[in-house]
C-alpha atoms as a PDB file:
ATOM      1  CA  UNK A   1      29.948  -8.360   8.184  1.00  0.00           C
ATOM      2  CA  UNK A   2      31.675 -10.352  10.938  1.00  0.00           C
ATOM      3  CA  UNK A   3      33.406  -8.265  13.620  1.00  0.00           C
ATOM      4  CA  UNK A   4      36.314  -9.314  15.784  1.00  0.00           C
ATOM      5  CA  UNK A   5      35.915  -9.429  19.547  1.00  0.00           C
ATOM      6  CA  UNK A   6      37.970  -6.246  19.877  1.00  0.00           C
ATOM      7  CA  UNK A   7      35.855  -4.384  17.290  1.00  0.00           C
ATOM      8  CA  UNK A   8      32.652  -5.506  18.983  1.00  0.00           C
ATOM      9  CA  UNK A   9      33.836  -4.287  22.388  1.00  0.00           C
ATOM     10  CA  UNK A  10      34.928  -0.973  20.847  1.00  0.00           C
ATOM     11  CA  UNK A  11      31.506  -0.354  19.241  1.00  0.00           C
ATOM     12  CA  UNK A  12      29.613  -1.128  22.434  1.00  0.00           C
ATOM     13  CA  UNK A  13      32.040   0.961  24.537  1.00  0.00           C
ATOM     14  CA  UNK A  14      31.652   3.959  22.219  1.00  0.00           C
ATOM     15  CA  UNK A  15      27.868   3.672  22.363  1.00  0.00           C
ATOM     16  CA  UNK A  16      27.904   3.548  26.158  1.00  0.00           C
ATOM     17  CA  UNK A  17      30.278   6.517  26.296  1.00  0.00           C
ATOM     18  CA  UNK A  18      27.879   8.574  24.189  1.00  0.00           C
ATOM     19  CA  UNK A  19      24.994   7.646  26.486  1.00  0.00           C
ATOM     20  CA  UNK A  20      27.030   8.422  29.584  1.00  0.00           C
ATOM     21  CA  UNK A  21      27.865  11.886  28.244  1.00  0.00           C
ATOM     22  CA  UNK A  22      24.135  12.673  28.284  1.00  0.00           C
ATOM     23  CA  UNK A  23      23.498  11.317  31.801  1.00  0.00           C
ATOM     24  CA  UNK A  24      22.731  13.727  34.714  1.00  0.00           C
ATOM     25  CA  UNK A  25      25.571  14.881  36.994  1.00  0.00           C
ATOM     26  CA  UNK A  26      26.331  12.208  39.601  1.00  0.00           C
ATOM     27  CA  UNK A  27      26.987  14.700  42.448  1.00  0.00           C
ATOM     28  CA  UNK A  28      23.600  16.317  41.887  1.00  0.00           C
ATOM     29  CA  UNK A  29      21.860  12.951  41.977  1.00  0.00           C
ATOM     30  CA  UNK A  30      23.640  11.957  45.243  1.00  0.00           C
ATOM     31  CA  UNK A  31      22.771  15.303  46.874  1.00  0.00           C
ATOM     32  CA  UNK A  32      19.104  14.889  45.887  1.00  0.00           C
ATOM     33  CA  UNK A  33      19.030  11.375  47.296  1.00  0.00           C
ATOM     34  CA  UNK A  34      20.661  12.520  50.531  1.00  0.00           C
ATOM     35  CA  UNK A  35      18.070  15.286  50.962  1.00  0.00           C
ATOM     36  CA  UNK A  36      15.291  12.794  50.274  1.00  0.00           C
ATOM     37  CA  UNK A  37      16.759  10.410  52.862  1.00  0.00           C
ATOM     38  CA  UNK A  38      16.472  13.057  55.595  1.00  0.00           C
ATOM     39  CA  UNK A  39      12.676  13.186  55.179  1.00  0.00           C
ATOM     40  CA  UNK A  40      10.812  11.969  58.223  1.00  0.00           C
ATOM     41  CA  UNK A  41       9.688   8.358  57.861  1.00  0.00           C
ATOM     42  CA  UNK A  42       6.102   7.330  58.725  1.00  0.00           C
ATOM     43  CA  UNK A  43       5.481   5.286  61.808  1.00  0.00           C
ATOM     44  CA  UNK A  44       5.505   1.495  61.585  1.00  0.00           C
ATOM     45  CA  UNK A  45       1.753   1.311  62.099  1.00  0.00           C
ATOM     46  CA  UNK A  46       1.051   3.803  59.321  1.00  0.00           C
ATOM     47  CA  UNK A  47       3.407   1.947  57.005  1.00  0.00           C
ATOM     48  CA  UNK A  48       1.571  -1.348  57.659  1.00  0.00           C
ATOM     49  CA  UNK A  49      -1.795   0.270  56.952  1.00  0.00           C
ATOM     50  CA  UNK A  50      -0.475   1.763  53.706  1.00  0.00           C
ATOM     51  CA  UNK A  51       0.935  -1.603  52.657  1.00  0.00           C
ATOM     52  CA  UNK A  52      -2.407  -3.281  53.311  1.00  0.00           C
ATOM     53  CA  UNK A  53      -4.203  -0.666  51.172  1.00  0.00           C
ATOM     54  CA  UNK A  54      -1.730  -1.207  48.351  1.00  0.00           C
ATOM     55  CA  UNK A  55      -2.284  -4.979  48.447  1.00  0.00           C
ATOM     56  CA  UNK A  56      -6.068  -4.523  48.300  1.00  0.00           C
ATOM     57  CA  UNK A  57      -5.874  -2.028  45.413  1.00  0.00           C
ATOM     58  CA  UNK A  58      -3.417  -4.123  43.422  1.00  0.00           C
ATOM     59  CA  UNK A  59      -5.557  -7.216  43.944  1.00  0.00           C
ATOM     60  CA  UNK A  60      -8.666  -5.386  42.772  1.00  0.00           C
ATOM     61  CA  UNK A  61      -6.930  -4.002  39.686  1.00  0.00           C
ATOM     62  CA  UNK A  62      -5.502  -7.435  38.827  1.00  0.00           C
ATOM     63  CA  UNK A  63      -8.960  -8.938  39.141  1.00  0.00           C
ATOM     64  CA  UNK A  64     -10.404  -6.273  36.835  1.00  0.00           C
ATOM     65  CA  UNK A  65      -7.654  -6.934  34.299  1.00  0.00           C
ATOM     66  CA  UNK A  66      -8.425 -10.650  34.334  1.00  0.00           C
ATOM     67  CA  UNK A  67     -12.089  -9.900  33.725  1.00  0.00           C
ATOM     68  CA  UNK A  68     -11.549  -7.316  30.971  1.00  0.00           C
ATOM     69  CA  UNK A  69      -8.506  -8.741  29.165  1.00  0.00           C
ATOM     70  CA  UNK A  70      -9.351  -9.352  25.477  1.00  0.00           C
ATOM     71  CA  UNK A  71      -8.967 -12.856  24.064  1.00  0.00           C
ATOM     72  CA  UNK A  72      -5.436 -13.685  22.991  1.00  0.00           C
ATOM     73  CA  UNK A  73      -4.759 -13.172  19.290  1.00  0.00           C
ATOM     74  CA  UNK A  74      -3.374 -16.267  17.618  1.00  0.00           C
ATOM     75  CA  UNK A  75      -1.867 -15.970  14.122  1.00  0.00           C
ATOM     76  CA  UNK A  76      -3.194 -18.361  11.497  1.00  0.00           C
ATOM     77  CA  UNK A  77      -3.187 -18.721   7.733  1.00  0.00           C
ATOM     78  CA  UNK A  78      -4.142 -15.386   6.204  1.00  0.00           C
ATOM     79  CA  UNK A  79      -4.557 -13.808   9.651  1.00  0.00           C
ATOM     80  CA  UNK A  80      -1.229 -12.464  10.920  1.00  0.00           C
ATOM     81  CA  UNK A  81      -0.902 -10.801  14.310  1.00  0.00           C
ATOM     82  CA  UNK A  82       1.105  -7.574  14.612  1.00  0.00           C
ATOM     83  CA  UNK A  83       2.772  -7.419  17.990  1.00  0.00           C
ATOM     84  CA  UNK A  84       3.267  -3.690  18.694  1.00  0.00           C
ATOM     85  CA  UNK A  85       1.165  -0.529  19.026  1.00  0.00           C
ATOM     86  CA  UNK A  86       2.160   3.126  19.508  1.00  0.00           C
ATOM     87  CA  UNK A  87       0.504   4.954  22.385  1.00  0.00           C
ATOM     88  CA  UNK A  88       0.959   8.364  20.751  1.00  0.00           C
ATOM     89  CA  UNK A  89       0.717   9.661  17.183  1.00  0.00           C
ATOM     90  CA  UNK A  90       0.557  13.158  15.683  1.00  0.00           C
ATOM     91  CA  UNK A  91      -2.991  14.495  15.477  1.00  0.00           C
ATOM     92  CA  UNK A  92      -4.890  13.886  12.253  1.00  0.00           C
ATOM     93  CA  UNK A  93      -3.247  10.623  11.189  1.00  0.00           C
ATOM     94  CA  UNK A  94      -5.434   7.560  10.661  1.00  0.00           C
ATOM     95  CA  UNK A  95      -4.439   3.921  10.276  1.00  0.00           C
ATOM     96  CA  UNK A  96      -4.650   2.781   6.654  1.00  0.00           C
ATOM     97  CA  UNK A  97      -2.373  -0.269   6.369  1.00  0.00           C
ATOM     98  CA  UNK A  98      -1.652  -3.479   8.270  1.00  0.00           C
ATOM     99  CA  UNK A  99       0.387  -6.342   6.933  1.00  0.00           C
ATOM    100  CA  UNK A 100       2.369  -9.342   8.102  1.00  0.00           C
ATOM    101  CA  UNK A 101       2.861 -13.031   7.595  1.00  0.00           C
ATOM    102  CA  UNK A 102       4.503 -16.218   8.797  1.00  0.00           C
ATOM    103  CA  UNK A 103       8.193 -16.669   9.564  1.00  0.00           C
ATOM    104  CA  UNK A 104      10.408 -13.622   9.096  1.00  0.00           C
ATOM    105  CA  UNK A 105       7.885 -11.552   7.122  1.00  0.00           C
ATOM    106  CA  UNK A 106       8.067  -7.969   8.485  1.00  0.00           C
ATOM    107  CA  UNK A 107       5.075  -6.624  10.394  1.00  0.00           C
ATOM    108  CA  UNK A 108       3.867  -3.266   9.052  1.00  0.00           C
ATOM    109  CA  UNK A 109       1.405  -0.694  10.364  1.00  0.00           C
ATOM    110  CA  UNK A 110       0.940   2.711   8.692  1.00  0.00           C
ATOM    111  CA  UNK A 111      -0.948   5.880   9.612  1.00  0.00           C
ATOM    112  CA  UNK A 112      -1.442   8.650   7.041  1.00  0.00           C
ATOM    113  CA  UNK A 113      -2.914  12.107   6.421  1.00  0.00           C
ATOM    114  CA  UNK A 114      -2.193  13.597   3.002  1.00  0.00           C
ATOM    115  CA  UNK A 115       1.589  13.533   2.481  1.00  0.00           C
ATOM    116  CA  UNK A 116       2.284  12.871   6.167  1.00  0.00           C
ATOM    117  CA  UNK A 117       2.868   9.273   7.213  1.00  0.00           C
ATOM    118  CA  UNK A 118       4.066   7.243  10.199  1.00  0.00           C
ATOM    119  CA  UNK A 119       5.076   3.609   9.704  1.00  0.00           C
ATOM    120  CA  UNK A 120       5.808   1.153  12.514  1.00  0.00           C
ATOM    121  CA  UNK A 121       7.759  -1.892  11.355  1.00  0.00           C
ATOM    122  CA  UNK A 122       8.771  -4.992  13.293  1.00  0.00           C
ATOM    123  CA  UNK A 123      11.550  -7.213  11.915  1.00  0.00           C
ATOM    124  CA  UNK A 124      12.497 -10.645  13.166  1.00  0.00           C
ATOM    125  CA  UNK A 125      16.033 -11.156  14.467  1.00  0.00           C
ATOM    126  CA  UNK A 126      15.835 -14.550  12.724  1.00  0.00           C
ATOM    127  CA  UNK A 127      16.050 -12.593   9.461  1.00  0.00           C
ATOM    128  CA  UNK A 128      19.711 -12.690   8.315  1.00  0.00           C
ATOM    129  CA  UNK A 129      19.522  -8.931   7.668  1.00  0.00           C
ATOM    130  CA  UNK A 130      18.868  -8.367  11.390  1.00  0.00           C
ATOM    131  CA  UNK A 131      20.784 -11.242  12.957  1.00  0.00           C
ATOM    132  CA  UNK A 132      23.360  -8.848  14.479  1.00  0.00           C
ATOM    133  CA  UNK A 133      20.980  -5.968  15.157  1.00  0.00           C
ATOM    134  CA  UNK A 134      22.625  -4.847  18.386  1.00  0.00           C
ATOM    135  CA  UNK A 135      26.012  -4.467  16.733  1.00  0.00           C
ATOM    136  CA  UNK A 136      24.559  -2.717  13.690  1.00  0.00           C
ATOM    137  CA  UNK A 137      22.780  -0.208  15.893  1.00  0.00           C
ATOM    138  CA  UNK A 138      25.879   0.351  18.058  1.00  0.00           C
ATOM    139  CA  UNK A 139      27.944   1.034  14.926  1.00  0.00           C
ATOM    140  CA  UNK A 140      25.855   4.083  13.984  1.00  0.00           C
ATOM    141  CA  UNK A 141      27.134   7.346  15.443  1.00  0.00           C
ATOM    142  CA  UNK A 142      23.734   9.081  15.429  1.00  0.00           C
ATOM    143  CA  UNK A 143      22.150   7.424  18.450  1.00  0.00           C
ATOM    144  CA  UNK A 144      19.279   7.814  20.891  1.00  0.00           C
ATOM    145  CA  UNK A 145      17.736   5.799  23.714  1.00  0.00           C
ATOM    146  CA  UNK A 146      14.377   3.977  23.504  1.00  0.00           C
ATOM    147  CA  UNK A 147      13.072   2.108  26.544  1.00  0.00           C
ATOM    148  CA  UNK A 148      16.592   1.985  27.981  1.00  0.00           C
ATOM    149  CA  UNK A 149      18.195   0.530  24.828  1.00  0.00           C
ATOM    150  CA  UNK A 150      20.538   2.160  22.338  1.00  0.00           C
ATOM    151  CA  UNK A 151      18.709   3.136  19.118  1.00  0.00           C
ATOM    152  CA  UNK A 152      19.911   4.559  15.817  1.00  0.00           C
ATOM    153  CA  UNK A 153      18.607   7.616  13.972  1.00  0.00           C
ATOM    154  CA  UNK A 154      18.584   8.360  10.255  1.00  0.00           C
ATOM    155  CA  UNK A 155      17.187  11.398   8.471  1.00  0.00           C
ATOM    156  CA  UNK A 156      16.657  15.103   9.067  1.00  0.00           C
ATOM    157  CA  UNK A 157      13.967  17.724   8.609  1.00  0.00           C
ATOM    158  CA  UNK A 158      10.593  16.178   7.788  1.00  0.00           C
ATOM    159  CA  UNK A 159      11.934  12.617   7.397  1.00  0.00           C
ATOM    160  CA  UNK A 160      13.393  10.367  10.089  1.00  0.00           C
ATOM    161  CA  UNK A 161      13.791   6.712  11.057  1.00  0.00           C
ATOM    162  CA  UNK A 162      14.445   5.486  14.589  1.00  0.00           C
ATOM    163  CA  UNK A 163      15.420   1.817  14.941  1.00  0.00           C
ATOM    164  CA  UNK A 164      15.875  -0.169  18.158  1.00  0.00           C
ATOM    165  CA  UNK A 165      15.999  -3.725  19.497  1.00  0.00           C
ATOM    166  CA  UNK A 166      12.695  -4.244  21.323  1.00  0.00           C
ATOM    167  CA  UNK A 167      13.622  -7.701  22.659  1.00  0.00           C
ATOM    168  CA  UNK A 168      15.677 -10.704  21.624  1.00  0.00           C
ATOM    169  CA  UNK A 169      13.222 -11.519  18.822  1.00  0.00           C
ATOM    170  CA  UNK A 170      12.185  -8.148  17.357  1.00  0.00           C
ATOM    171  CA  UNK A 171      13.785  -5.046  15.876  1.00  0.00           C
ATOM    172  CA  UNK A 172      11.382  -2.089  15.662  1.00  0.00           C
ATOM    173  CA  UNK A 173      11.515   0.959  13.432  1.00  0.00           C
ATOM    174  CA  UNK A 174       9.423   4.127  13.616  1.00  0.00           C
ATOM    175  CA  UNK A 175       9.566   5.896  10.234  1.00  0.00           C
ATOM    176  CA  UNK A 176       8.206   9.433   9.848  1.00  0.00           C
ATOM    177  CA  UNK A 177       7.752  11.293   6.559  1.00  0.00           C
ATOM    178  CA  UNK A 178       6.194  14.638   5.663  1.00  0.00           C
ATOM    179  CA  UNK A 179       6.052  15.893   9.268  1.00  0.00           C
ATOM    180  CA  UNK A 180       8.132  18.835  10.604  1.00  0.00           C
ATOM    181  CA  UNK A 181      10.733  18.021  13.265  1.00  0.00           C
ATOM    182  CA  UNK A 182      10.479  14.358  12.290  1.00  0.00           C
ATOM    183  CA  UNK A 183      13.260  13.232  14.646  1.00  0.00           C
ATOM    184  CA  UNK A 184      11.432  14.505  17.733  1.00  0.00           C
ATOM    185  CA  UNK A 185       8.191  12.960  16.462  1.00  0.00           C
ATOM    186  CA  UNK A 186       9.879   9.593  15.827  1.00  0.00           C
ATOM    187  CA  UNK A 187      11.412   9.649  19.321  1.00  0.00           C
ATOM    188  CA  UNK A 188       8.066  10.351  20.975  1.00  0.00           C
ATOM    189  CA  UNK A 189       6.342   7.613  18.974  1.00  0.00           C
ATOM    190  CA  UNK A 190       9.082   5.086  19.798  1.00  0.00           C
ATOM    191  CA  UNK A 191       8.922   5.928  23.501  1.00  0.00           C
ATOM    192  CA  UNK A 192       5.158   5.261  23.454  1.00  0.00           C
ATOM    193  CA  UNK A 193       5.293   1.844  21.736  1.00  0.00           C
ATOM    194  CA  UNK A 194       4.102  -1.117  23.800  1.00  0.00           C
ATOM    195  CA  UNK A 195       3.696  -4.845  23.142  1.00  0.00           C
ATOM    196  CA  UNK A 196      -0.023  -4.585  22.431  1.00  0.00           C
ATOM    197  CA  UNK A 197      -0.965  -6.913  19.548  1.00  0.00           C
ATOM    198  CA  UNK A 198      -3.560  -6.300  16.848  1.00  0.00           C
ATOM    199  CA  UNK A 199      -4.903  -8.689  14.248  1.00  0.00           C
ATOM    200  CA  UNK A 200      -5.196  -8.568  10.482  1.00  0.00           C
ATOM    201  CA  UNK A 201      -8.400 -10.179   9.216  1.00  0.00           C
ATOM    202  CA  UNK A 202      -9.245  -9.537   5.586  1.00  0.00           C
ATOM    203  CA  UNK A 203     -11.833 -11.188   3.385  1.00  0.00           C
ATOM    204  CA  UNK A 204      -9.581 -13.785   1.726  1.00  0.00           C
ATOM    205  CA  UNK A 205      -7.670 -16.970   2.576  1.00  0.00           C
ATOM    206  CA  UNK A 206      -5.529 -19.005   0.252  1.00  0.00           C
ATOM    207  CA  UNK A 207      -6.823 -22.403  -0.771  1.00  0.00           C
ATOM    208  CA  UNK A 208      -4.535 -24.929  -2.490  1.00  0.00           C
ATOM    209  CA  UNK A 209      -1.405 -23.356  -3.995  1.00  0.00           C
ATOM    210  CA  UNK A 210       0.769 -24.592  -6.872  1.00  0.00           C
ATOM    211  CA  UNK A 211       3.654 -26.852  -5.890  1.00  0.00           C
ATOM    212  CA  UNK A 212       6.587 -24.985  -4.375  1.00  0.00           C
ATOM    213  CA  UNK A 213       4.548 -21.968  -3.264  1.00  0.00           C
ATOM    214  CA  UNK A 214       3.487 -20.967   0.240  1.00  0.00           C
ATOM    215  CA  UNK A 215       1.755 -17.984   1.816  1.00  0.00           C
ATOM    216  CA  UNK A 216       4.143 -15.071   2.346  1.00  0.00           C
ATOM    217  CA  UNK A 217       1.936 -12.238   3.612  1.00  0.00           C
ATOM    218  CA  UNK A 218      -1.549 -10.850   4.156  1.00  0.00           C
ATOM    219  CA  UNK A 219      -2.268  -7.115   3.948  1.00  0.00           C
ATOM    220  CA  UNK A 220      -5.339  -4.977   4.535  1.00  0.00           C
ATOM    221  CA  UNK A 221      -5.350  -1.345   3.389  1.00  0.00           C
ATOM    222  CA  UNK A 222      -7.767   1.501   2.755  1.00  0.00           C
ATOM    223  CA  UNK A 223      -8.792   4.942   3.953  1.00  0.00           C
ATOM    224  CA  UNK A 224     -12.040   3.544   5.407  1.00  0.00           C
ATOM    225  CA  UNK A 225     -14.028   0.290   5.440  1.00  0.00           C
ATOM    226  CA  UNK A 226     -15.765   1.406   2.237  1.00  0.00           C
ATOM    227  CA  UNK A 227     -12.617   1.227   0.070  1.00  0.00           C
ATOM    228  CA  UNK A 228     -10.880  -1.596   1.955  1.00  0.00           C
ATOM    229  CA  UNK A 229      -8.797  -4.129   0.071  1.00  0.00           C
ATOM    230  CA  UNK A 230      -7.280  -7.439   1.123  1.00  0.00           C
ATOM    231  CA  UNK A 231      -4.121  -8.670  -0.586  1.00  0.00           C
ATOM    232  CA  UNK A 232      -2.417 -12.046  -0.174  1.00  0.00           C
ATOM    233  CA  UNK A 233       1.019 -12.918  -1.534  1.00  0.00           C
ATOM    234  CA  UNK A 234       2.532 -16.353  -2.150  1.00  0.00           C
ATOM    235  CA  UNK A 235       5.946 -17.471  -3.299  1.00  0.00           C
ATOM    236  CA  UNK A 236       9.029 -19.482  -2.498  1.00  0.00           C
ATOM    237  CA  UNK A 237       9.471 -19.474   1.326  1.00  0.00           C
ATOM    238  CA  UNK A 238      13.237 -19.207   0.787  1.00  0.00           C
ATOM    239  CA  UNK A 239      12.674 -15.864  -0.997  1.00  0.00           C
ATOM    240  CA  UNK A 240       9.999 -14.116   1.088  1.00  0.00           C
ATOM    241  CA  UNK A 241      10.530 -10.712  -0.555  1.00  0.00           C
ATOM    242  CA  UNK A 242       9.764 -12.007  -4.082  1.00  0.00           C
ATOM    243  CA  UNK A 243       6.064 -12.937  -4.394  1.00  0.00           C
ATOM    244  CA  UNK A 244       5.153 -15.125  -7.367  1.00  0.00           C
ATOM    245  CA  UNK A 245       1.358 -14.853  -7.041  1.00  0.00           C
ATOM    246  CA  UNK A 246      -0.798 -12.052  -5.618  1.00  0.00           C
ATOM    247  CA  UNK A 247      -4.497 -12.231  -4.795  1.00  0.00           C
ATOM    248  CA  UNK A 248      -6.517  -9.070  -4.189  1.00  0.00           C
ATOM    249  CA  UNK A 249     -10.145  -8.361  -3.326  1.00  0.00           C
ATOM    250  CA  UNK A 250     -11.519  -4.832  -3.500  1.00  0.00           C
ATOM    251  CA  UNK A 251     -14.429  -2.639  -4.540  1.00  0.00           C
ATOM    252  CA  UNK A 252     -13.224  -1.771  -8.056  1.00  0.00           C
ATOM    253  CA  UNK A 253     -12.665  -3.960 -11.140  1.00  0.00           C
ATOM    254  CA  UNK A 254      -9.436  -3.904 -13.154  1.00  0.00           C
ATOM    255  CA  UNK A 255      -9.597  -1.924 -16.414  1.00  0.00           C
ATOM    256  CA  UNK A 256      -7.273  -3.712 -18.861  1.00  0.00           C
ATOM    257  CA  UNK A 257      -7.086  -2.754 -22.522  1.00  0.00           C
ATOM    258  CA  UNK A 258      -7.836  -6.322 -23.588  1.00  0.00           C
ATOM    259  CA  UNK A 259      -9.211  -9.384 -21.771  1.00  0.00           C
ATOM    260  CA  UNK A 260     -10.441 -12.834 -22.764  1.00  0.00           C
ATOM    261  CA  UNK A 261     -13.531 -14.407 -21.231  1.00  0.00           C
ATOM    262  CA  UNK A 262     -12.763 -17.495 -19.113  1.00  0.00           C
ATOM    263  CA  UNK A 263     -14.592 -19.496 -16.456  1.00  0.00           C
ATOM    264  CA  UNK A 264     -13.523 -18.556 -12.911  1.00  0.00           C
ATOM    265  CA  UNK A 265     -15.223 -19.801  -9.720  1.00  0.00           C
ATOM    266  CA  UNK A 266     -18.048 -21.281 -11.790  1.00  0.00           C
ATOM    267  CA  UNK A 267     -18.950 -18.035 -13.566  1.00  0.00           C
ATOM    268  CA  UNK A 268     -17.678 -15.641 -16.188  1.00  0.00           C
ATOM    269  CA  UNK A 269     -14.280 -14.181 -15.458  1.00  0.00           C
ATOM    270  CA  UNK A 270     -11.513 -12.711 -17.559  1.00  0.00           C
ATOM    271  CA  UNK A 271      -7.900 -13.445 -18.377  1.00  0.00           C
ATOM    272  CA  UNK A 272      -5.378 -10.699 -19.193  1.00  0.00           C
ATOM    273  CA  UNK A 273      -2.162 -11.824 -20.879  1.00  0.00           C
ATOM    274  CA  UNK A 274       1.169 -10.454 -19.594  1.00  0.00           C
ATOM    275  CA  UNK A 275       2.281  -7.298 -21.429  1.00  0.00           C
ATOM    276  CA  UNK A 276       4.412  -4.183 -20.968  1.00  0.00           C
ATOM    277  CA  UNK A 277       6.078  -5.516 -17.833  1.00  0.00           C
ATOM    278  CA  UNK A 278       2.770  -6.463 -16.187  1.00  0.00           C
ATOM    279  CA  UNK A 279       2.086  -9.997 -14.968  1.00  0.00           C
ATOM    280  CA  UNK A 280      -0.733 -12.149 -16.276  1.00  0.00           C
ATOM    281  CA  UNK A 281      -4.036 -11.751 -14.396  1.00  0.00           C
ATOM    282  CA  UNK A 282      -7.447 -13.329 -14.015  1.00  0.00           C
ATOM    283  CA  UNK A 283     -10.352 -11.502 -12.392  1.00  0.00           C
ATOM    284  CA  UNK A 284     -13.984 -12.154 -11.561  1.00  0.00           C
ATOM    285  CA  UNK A 285     -16.851 -10.459  -9.768  1.00  0.00           C
ATOM    286  CA  UNK A 286     -17.741 -12.017  -6.420  1.00  0.00           C
ATOM    287  CA  UNK A 287     -21.311 -12.595  -5.162  1.00  0.00           C
ATOM    288  CA  UNK A 288     -20.804  -9.638  -2.784  1.00  0.00           C
ATOM    289  CA  UNK A 289     -20.299  -7.322  -5.751  1.00  0.00           C
ATOM    290  CA  UNK A 290     -16.598  -6.894  -4.994  1.00  0.00           C
ATOM    291  CA  UNK A 291     -13.867  -8.000  -7.377  1.00  0.00           C
ATOM    292  CA  UNK A 292     -11.280 -10.740  -7.042  1.00  0.00           C
ATOM    293  CA  UNK A 293      -8.079 -10.663  -9.066  1.00  0.00           C
ATOM    294  CA  UNK A 294      -5.148 -13.085  -9.157  1.00  0.00           C
ATOM    295  CA  UNK A 295      -1.910 -12.064 -10.850  1.00  0.00           C
ATOM    296  CA  UNK A 296       1.578 -13.469 -11.173  1.00  0.00           C
ATOM    297  CA  UNK A 297       4.202 -15.119 -13.321  1.00  0.00           C
ATOM    298  CA  UNK A 298       2.387 -18.472 -13.422  1.00  0.00           C
ATOM    299  CA  UNK A 299       0.448 -19.895 -16.427  1.00  0.00           C
ATOM    300  CA  UNK A 300      -3.213 -19.012 -16.970  1.00  0.00           C
ATOM    301  CA  UNK A 301      -4.445 -22.397 -15.747  1.00  0.00           C
ATOM    302  CA  UNK A 302      -2.573 -22.045 -12.419  1.00  0.00           C
ATOM    303  CA  UNK A 303      -3.879 -18.511 -11.841  1.00  0.00           C
ATOM    304  CA  UNK A 304      -7.435 -19.730 -12.442  1.00  0.00           C
ATOM    305  CA  UNK A 305      -6.853 -22.664 -10.078  1.00  0.00           C
ATOM    306  CA  UNK A 306      -5.644 -20.280  -7.347  1.00  0.00           C
ATOM    307  CA  UNK A 307      -8.706 -18.052  -7.884  1.00  0.00           C
ATOM    308  CA  UNK A 308     -11.020 -21.075  -7.709  1.00  0.00           C
ATOM    309  CA  UNK A 309      -9.453 -22.209  -4.430  1.00  0.00           C
ATOM    310  CA  UNK A 310      -9.544 -18.847  -2.625  1.00  0.00           C
ATOM    311  CA  UNK A 311     -11.711 -18.947   0.512  1.00  0.00           C
ATOM    312  CA  UNK A 312     -13.931 -15.959   1.330  1.00  0.00           C
ATOM    313  CA  UNK A 313     -14.255 -14.775   4.929  1.00  0.00           C
ATOM    314  CA  UNK A 314     -17.840 -13.647   5.616  1.00  0.00           C
ATOM    315  CA  UNK A 315     -16.778 -11.446   8.548  1.00  0.00           C
ATOM    316  CA  UNK A 316     -13.589  -9.489   7.722  1.00  0.00           C
ATOM    317  CA  UNK A 317     -12.490  -6.818  10.191  1.00  0.00           C
ATOM    318  CA  UNK A 318     -12.147  -3.468   8.431  1.00  0.00           C
ATOM    319  CA  UNK A 319     -13.424  -1.439  11.396  1.00  0.00           C
ATOM    320  CA  UNK A 320      -9.989   0.014  12.252  1.00  0.00           C
ATOM    321  CA  UNK A 321      -9.424   1.561   8.817  1.00  0.00           C
ATOM    322  CA  UNK A 322      -9.570   5.350   8.978  1.00  0.00           C
ATOM    323  CA  UNK A 323      -9.187   5.504  12.756  1.00  0.00           C
ATOM    324  CA  UNK A 324      -6.250   7.013  14.668  1.00  0.00           C
ATOM    325  CA  UNK A 325      -5.562   3.809  16.653  1.00  0.00           C
ATOM    326  CA  UNK A 326      -7.430   0.672  17.615  1.00  0.00           C
END
């Protein structure tokens, strides 16, 4: 939807009017400032001493930060970096999902406890769906404020979504389900979000892919390190939401009704023909005892080739699974 200049100005003006209606009374603010201004000021000498103390403290803290700052996370193939972290979550939720990828692939983090769930998503403003995020948010009547920016609400009761423009490159969404007073919970989560990145490091990397395919995403999920799974998706980069091939490693083998023995990664594996709406699949047991499966709409030979080329990471990071935050 392309808006005229007049329509754009109207949307922004209406949003600002709604925010202004919630602002504190101006006379009260001026009176409070005037009373504060009548407070006795410290002497010049005391002010200089205080300033010197501040400089020393700030310098010490900055030095500590330089010494304790973790190494910068750099995204690479199969290892996306998720840029945002909430500082507050409802008690009892644990992180069970991280996913992301190159380009405009959304970044996803999810915390769960039974039917309750909180999902933090980050979308790229380079995605055509979010190219005019500020106008889309301003057009919604149900609004809030997050970090000084207009945000939009959806949902009531135990379900709510709060969406806001974090910066020129990212649109964030805090989605809450199965939690009473979800709107208040979503607002508190959004207010606590900071640009604190975390990595996604599963046990798999793509090797060579069939012509025309590229990595779309990497996801790690599980309730704890014991049941962790890593999933990679590949497809046409022009259609990032439609994976053509999926690769998954986890603790449990598939249980198809019928499978044919084939050679995969130099040992015995199995091929399952497509049926009943399910894609074709090959799977094999890895030396670690875990199971690798490759599925998709490609021929058997290509699925086996993808499985043969998959690289195994000897040191995946599953330590954050089942924890509140990390």
